C-alpha atoms as a PDB file:
ATOM      1  CA  MET A   1       0.000   0.000   0.000  1.00  0.00           C
ATOM      2  CA  PRO A   2       1.221   3.489  -0.763  1.00  0.00           C
ATOM      3  CA  LYS A   3       2.110   5.629   2.218  1.00  0.00           C
ATOM      4  CA  LYS A   4      -0.465   8.318   2.990  1.00  0.00           C
ATOM      5  CA  ARG A   5       1.032  11.761   2.672  1.00  0.00           C
ATOM      6  CA  PRO A   6       0.201  14.223   5.467  1.00  0.00           C
ATOM      7  CA  ILE A   7      -1.970  17.157   4.525  1.00  0.00           C
ATOM      8  CA  CYS A   8      -0.121  19.678   6.620  1.00  0.00           C
ATOM      9  CA  LYS A   9       3.544  20.658   6.559  1.00  0.00           C
ATOM     10  CA  PHE A  10       3.883  19.991  10.306  1.00  0.00           C
ATOM     11  CA  ASN A  11       3.771  16.252   9.587  1.00  0.00           C
ATOM     12  CA  CYS A  12       0.462  15.561  11.280  1.00  0.00           C
ATOM     13  CA  ASP A  13      -2.255  13.174  10.210  1.00  0.00           C
ATOM     14  CA  SER A  14      -5.005  15.718   9.774  1.00  0.00           C
ATOM     15  CA  ASP A  15      -5.424  19.186   8.482  1.00  0.00           C
ATOM     16  CA  CYS A  16      -3.587  21.604  10.807  1.00  0.00           C
ATOM     17  CA  ARG A  17      -5.508  24.694   9.777  1.00  0.00           C
ATOM     18  CA  PRO A  18      -7.518  24.939  13.021  1.00  0.00           C
ATOM     19  CA  ARG A  19      -4.290  24.930  15.042  1.00  0.00           C
ATOM     20  CA  ARG A  20      -2.739  27.556  12.821  1.00  0.00           C
ATOM     21  CA  ILE A  21      -5.854  29.699  13.068  1.00  0.00           C
ATOM     22  CA  LEU A  22      -5.786  29.497  16.878  1.00  0.00           C
ATOM     23  CA  PHE A  23      -2.098  30.404  16.879  1.00  0.00           C
ATOM     24  CA  PHE A  24      -2.709  33.450  14.685  1.00  0.00           C
ATOM     25  CA  ILE A  25      -5.672  34.539  16.803  1.00  0.00           C
ATOM     26  CA  ARG A  26      -3.478  34.369  19.905  1.00  0.00           C
ATOM     27  CA  VAL A  27      -0.701  36.297  18.181  1.00  0.00           C
ATOM     28  CA  GLN A  28      -3.190  38.943  17.074  1.00  0.00           C
ATOM     29  CA  LYS A  29      -4.416  39.328  20.655  1.00  0.00           C
ATOM     30  CA  LEU A  30      -0.885  39.973  21.934  1.00  0.00           C
ATOM     31  CA  PRO A  31      -0.873  43.676  20.892  1.00  0.00           C
ATOM     32  CA  ILE A  32      -4.176  44.112  22.732  1.00  0.00           C
ATOM     33  CA  PHE A  33      -2.618  42.612  25.862  1.00  0.00           C
ATOM     34  CA  LEU A  34       0.451  44.806  25.487  1.00  0.00           C
ATOM     35  CA  LYS A  35      -1.646  47.923  24.929  1.00  0.00           C
ATOM     36  CA  TYR A  36      -4.122  47.445  27.774  1.00  0.00           C
ATOM     37  CA  TRP A  37      -2.733  45.042  30.359  1.00  0.00           C
ATOM     38  CA  LEU A  38       1.007  45.680  30.244  1.00  0.00           C
ATOM     39  CA  PRO A  39       0.635  49.224  31.678  1.00  0.00           C
ATOM     40  CA  VAL A  40      -1.403  47.742  34.546  1.00  0.00           C
ATOM     41  CA  LEU A  41       1.285  45.164  35.282  1.00  0.00           C
ATOM     42  CA  VAL A  42       4.087  47.732  35.041  1.00  0.00           C
ATOM     43  CA  TRP A  43       2.241  50.080  37.410  1.00  0.00           C
ATOM     44  CA  MET A  44       1.644  47.213  39.848  1.00  0.00           C
ATOM     45  CA  ALA A  45       5.356  46.405  39.711  1.00  0.00           C
ATOM     46  CA  LEU A  46       6.172  50.053  40.487  1.00  0.00           C
ATOM     47  CA  ILE A  47       3.835  49.993  43.482  1.00  0.00           C
ATOM     48  CA  PHE A  48       5.382  46.709  44.622  1.00  0.00           C
ATOM     49  CA  SER A  49       8.886  48.160  44.348  1.00  0.00           C
ATOM     50  CA  ALA A  50       7.772  51.235  46.301  1.00  0.00           C
ATOM     51  CA  SER A  51       6.904  48.898  49.186  1.00  0.00           C
ATOM     52  CA  ALA A  52      10.561  48.081  49.601  1.00  0.00           C
ATOM     53  CA  ASP A  53      12.939  49.598  52.110  1.00  0.00           C
ATOM     54  CA  SER A  54      14.140  52.265  49.690  1.00  0.00           C
ATOM     55  CA  HIS A  55      10.754  54.025  49.851  1.00  0.00           C
ATOM     56  CA  SER A  56      10.175  53.843  53.595  1.00  0.00           C
ATOM     57  CA  ALA A  57       9.221  56.938  55.570  1.00  0.00           C
ATOM     58  CA  GLU A  58      12.682  57.034  57.080  1.00  0.00           C
ATOM     59  CA  ARG A  59      14.304  57.156  53.640  1.00  0.00           C
ATOM     60  CA  SER A  60      11.878  59.616  52.057  1.00  0.00           C
ATOM     61  CA  SER A  61      12.259  61.977  55.022  1.00  0.00           C
ATOM     62  CA  ARG A  62      15.930  62.419  54.075  1.00  0.00           C
ATOM     63  CA  PHE A  63      14.821  64.335  50.967  1.00  0.00           C
ATOM     64  CA  PHE A  64      11.416  65.696  51.855  1.00  0.00           C
ATOM     65  CA  GLU A  65      12.126  67.200  55.279  1.00  0.00           C
ATOM     66  CA  PRO A  66      15.246  69.204  54.272  1.00  0.00           C
ATOM     67  CA  PHE A  67      13.247  70.583  51.363  1.00  0.00           C
ATOM     68  CA  LEU A  68      10.488  71.730  53.737  1.00  0.00           C
ATOM     69  CA  HIS A  69      13.066  73.237  56.098  1.00  0.00           C
ATOM     70  CA  TRP A  70      14.586  75.084  53.153  1.00  0.00           C
ATOM     71  CA  LEU A  71      11.152  76.419  52.093  1.00  0.00           C
ATOM     72  CA  PHE A  72       9.985  77.239  55.616  1.00  0.00           C
ATOM     73  CA  PRO A  73      12.993  77.649  57.923  1.00  0.00           C
ATOM     74  CA  GLN A  74      10.870  78.607  60.949  1.00  0.00           C
ATOM     75  CA  MET A  75       8.510  75.612  60.728  1.00  0.00           C
ATOM     76  CA  PRO A  76       8.621  73.373  63.826  1.00  0.00           C
ATOM     77  CA  GLN A  77       9.699  69.753  63.366  1.00  0.00           C
ATOM     78  CA  THR A  78       6.291  68.415  64.427  1.00  0.00           C
ATOM     79  CA  SER A  79       4.652  70.300  61.553  1.00  0.00           C
ATOM     80  CA  VAL A  80       7.277  69.019  59.123  1.00  0.00           C
ATOM     81  CA  ASP A  81       6.589  65.451  60.303  1.00  0.00           C
ATOM     82  CA  GLN A  82       2.839  65.927  59.864  1.00  0.00           C
ATOM     83  CA  ILE A  83       3.248  67.353  56.353  1.00  0.00           C
ATOM     84  CA  HIS A  84       5.577  64.486  55.454  1.00  0.00           C
ATOM     85  CA  HIS A  85       3.008  61.977  56.708  1.00  0.00           C
ATOM     86  CA  ILE A  86       0.196  63.646  54.746  1.00  0.00           C
ATOM     87  CA  PHE A  87       2.414  63.784  51.652  1.00  0.00           C
ATOM     88  CA  ARG A  88       3.087  60.038  51.877  1.00  0.00           C
ATOM     89  CA  LYS A  89      -0.626  59.254  52.223  1.00  0.00           C
ATOM     90  CA  CYS A  90      -1.424  61.486  49.236  1.00  0.00           C
ATOM     91  CA  CYS A  91       1.147  59.481  47.264  1.00  0.00           C
ATOM     92  CA  HIS A  92      -0.823  56.346  48.233  1.00  0.00           C
ATOM     93  CA  LEU A  93      -4.010  57.986  46.953  1.00  0.00           C
ATOM     94  CA  ALA A  94      -2.420  59.075  43.689  1.00  0.00           C
ATOM     95  CA  ALA A  95      -0.709  55.747  42.974  1.00  0.00           C
ATOM     96  CA  TYR A  96      -3.896  53.757  43.485  1.00  0.00           C
ATOM     97  CA  ALA A  97      -6.009  56.280  41.562  1.00  0.00           C
ATOM     98  CA  VAL A  98      -3.712  55.716  38.571  1.00  0.00           C
ATOM     99  CA  LEU A  99      -3.930  51.952  39.116  1.00  0.00           C
ATOM    100  CA  ALA A 100      -7.734  52.141  39.112  1.00  0.00           C
ATOM    101  CA  LEU A 101      -7.750  54.159  35.876  1.00  0.00           C
ATOM    102  CA  LEU A 102      -5.386  51.707  34.181  1.00  0.00           C
ATOM    103  CA  LEU A 103      -7.419  48.737  35.403  1.00  0.00           C
ATOM    104  CA  TRP A 104     -10.698  50.285  34.278  1.00  0.00           C
ATOM    105  CA  ARG A 105      -9.157  50.965  30.863  1.00  0.00           C
ATOM    106  CA  ALA A 106      -8.002  47.346  30.561  1.00  0.00           C
ATOM    107  CA  LEU A 107     -11.354  45.970  31.701  1.00  0.00           C
ATOM    108  CA  HIS A 108     -13.225  48.425  29.491  1.00  0.00           C
ATOM    109  CA  GLN A 109     -11.551  47.135  26.320  1.00  0.00           C
ATOM    110  CA  SER A 110     -12.946  43.632  26.834  1.00  0.00           C
ATOM    111  CA  LYS A 111     -15.745  42.607  24.515  1.00  0.00           C
ATOM    112  CA  ASN A 112     -18.942  42.165  26.485  1.00  0.00           C
ATOM    113  CA  ASN A 113     -22.473  43.507  26.457  1.00  0.00           C
ATOM    114  CA  LEU A 114     -21.979  46.083  29.207  1.00  0.00           C
ATOM    115  CA  PRO A 115     -22.548  49.772  28.399  1.00  0.00           C
ATOM    116  CA  PRO A 116     -19.525  52.098  28.112  1.00  0.00           C
ATOM    117  CA  TRP A 117     -19.797  53.170  31.761  1.00  0.00           C
ATOM    118  CA  SER A 118     -20.904  50.160  33.754  1.00  0.00           C
ATOM    119  CA  TRP A 119     -21.046  49.717  37.492  1.00  0.00           C
ATOM    120  CA  PRO A 120     -19.942  46.046  37.341  1.00  0.00           C
ATOM    121  CA  LYS A 121     -16.657  47.156  35.747  1.00  0.00           C
ATOM    122  CA  VAL A 122     -16.304  49.899  38.347  1.00  0.00           C
ATOM    123  CA  GLY A 123     -16.966  47.438  41.174  1.00  0.00           C
ATOM    124  CA  GLY A 124     -14.558  44.903  39.694  1.00  0.00           C
ATOM    125  CA  THR A 125     -11.904  47.572  39.306  1.00  0.00           C
ATOM    126  CA  LEU A 126     -12.337  48.758  42.885  1.00  0.00           C
ATOM    127  CA  LEU A 127     -12.225  45.171  44.157  1.00  0.00           C
ATOM    128  CA  ILE A 128      -8.948  44.530  42.331  1.00  0.00           C
ATOM    129  CA  VAL A 129      -7.502  47.814  43.642  1.00  0.00           C
ATOM    130  CA  SER A 130      -8.409  46.996  47.246  1.00  0.00           C
ATOM    131  CA  LEU A 131      -7.071  43.428  46.959  1.00  0.00           C
ATOM    132  CA  TYR A 132      -3.824  44.722  45.502  1.00  0.00           C
ATOM    133  CA  GLY A 133      -3.609  47.307  48.287  1.00  0.00           C
ATOM    134  CA  ALA A 134      -4.059  44.519  50.848  1.00  0.00           C
ATOM    135  CA  SER A 135      -1.385  42.414  49.157  1.00  0.00           C
ATOM    136  CA  ASP A 136       0.928  45.439  49.169  1.00  0.00           C
ATOM    137  CA  GLU A 137       0.500  45.848  52.910  1.00  0.00           C
ATOM    138  CA  PHE A 138       1.064  42.110  53.352  1.00  0.00           C
ATOM    139  CA  HIS A 139       4.312  42.497  51.399  1.00  0.00           C
ATOM    140  CA  GLN A 140       5.335  45.332  53.710  1.00  0.00           C
ATOM    141  CA  SER A 141       5.011  42.998  56.702  1.00  0.00           C
ATOM    142  CA  PHE A 142       8.142  41.235  55.421  1.00  0.00           C
ATOM    143  CA  VAL A 143      10.161  44.458  55.039  1.00  0.00           C
ATOM    144  CA  PRO A 144      11.838  45.361  58.361  1.00  0.00           C
ATOM    145  CA  THR A 145      11.654  49.154  57.891  1.00  0.00           C
ATOM    146  CA  ARG A 146       8.027  49.204  56.734  1.00  0.00           C
ATOM    147  CA  THR A 147       4.876  49.017  58.822  1.00  0.00           C
ATOM    148  CA  PRO A 148       1.813  47.336  57.319  1.00  0.00           C
ATOM    149  CA  LEU A 149      -1.359  49.221  58.182  1.00  0.00           C
ATOM    150  CA  VAL A 150      -4.972  48.328  57.515  1.00  0.00           C
ATOM    151  CA  SER A 151      -5.667  52.051  57.262  1.00  0.00           C
ATOM    152  CA  ASP A 152      -3.368  52.165  54.222  1.00  0.00           C
ATOM    153  CA  VAL A 153      -5.575  49.585  52.490  1.00  0.00           C
ATOM    154  CA  PHE A 154      -8.523  51.931  53.056  1.00  0.00           C
ATOM    155  CA  ILE A 155      -6.470  54.864  51.736  1.00  0.00           C
ATOM    156  CA  ASP A 156      -5.490  52.814  48.678  1.00  0.00           C
ATOM    157  CA  THR A 157      -9.114  51.862  48.039  1.00  0.00           C
ATOM    158  CA  ALA A 158     -10.167  55.482  48.510  1.00  0.00           C
ATOM    159  CA  GLY A 159      -7.524  56.491  45.964  1.00  0.00           C
ATOM    160  CA  GLY A 160      -8.984  53.998  43.502  1.00  0.00           C
ATOM    161  CA  ALA A 161     -12.485  55.327  44.197  1.00  0.00           C
ATOM    162  CA  ILE A 162     -11.305  58.914  43.679  1.00  0.00           C
ATOM    163  CA  GLY A 163      -9.730  57.974  40.352  1.00  0.00           C
ATOM    164  CA  LEU A 164     -12.912  56.237  39.211  1.00  0.00           C
ATOM    165  CA  PHE A 165     -15.051  59.139  40.447  1.00  0.00           C
ATOM    166  CA  ALA A 166     -12.914  61.555  38.418  1.00  0.00           C
ATOM    167  CA  LEU A 167     -13.337  59.272  35.406  1.00  0.00           C
ATOM    168  CA  TRP A 168     -17.112  59.203  35.946  1.00  0.00           C
ATOM    169  CA  ILE A 169     -17.236  63.013  36.103  1.00  0.00           C
ATOM    170  CA  PHE A 170     -15.152  63.167  32.930  1.00  0.00           C
ATOM    171  CA  HIS A 171     -17.545  60.691  31.295  1.00  0.00           C
ATOM    172  CA  LEU A 172     -20.563  62.793  32.323  1.00  0.00           C
ATOM    173  CA  CYS A 173     -18.989  65.970  30.952  1.00  0.00           C
ATOM    174  CA  ARG A 174     -18.266  64.314  27.595  1.00  0.00           C
ATOM    175  CA  LYS A 175     -21.750  62.818  27.238  1.00  0.00           C
ATOM    176  CA  PRO A 176     -23.750  64.763  24.634  1.00  0.00           C
ATOM    177  CA  LYS A 177     -26.553  66.719  26.182  1.00  0.00           C
ATOM    178  CA  LEU A 178     -30.062  66.298  24.817  1.00  0.00           C
ATOM    179  CA  HIS A 179     -31.720  69.552  23.813  1.00  0.00           C
ATOM    180  CA  LYS A 180     -35.476  70.072  23.659  1.00  0.00           C
END
């Protein structure tokens, strides 16, 4: 009997077109991942690295407090410490607001039947932000110079909520108004 020649060049017994189609679909989805999800992962990595010793309050005070003393030479040290503390918490808010915006953008690009501004996406985004904030504080429990605080998880979640609220306001302002 003559030997049956394979249909596909990959030396398989059947037609390999479905496998090739799946491969090309996956390759085509890679730019979408890079465009929407890579910024989220990079931002999460930056937040994770900021939880290390190099970004502790003790280290940041070496730069921030002399700057405040230079701006306001008569300011008492207790006020400088309070401003430094508030500055660090505002950095928490800002970092997690950006994370929420990047997450919402990545979730928003997915193909589903939800409207452009949907509360399930907002809730999912806020849930991911708060879980990442909790994991960040858990990471800080292993860093000797950092103190994990539950209040920071609330600040991180509030930052995410502020970012999403700003996005909602922006969305409302861009919505075309109906005229009578």
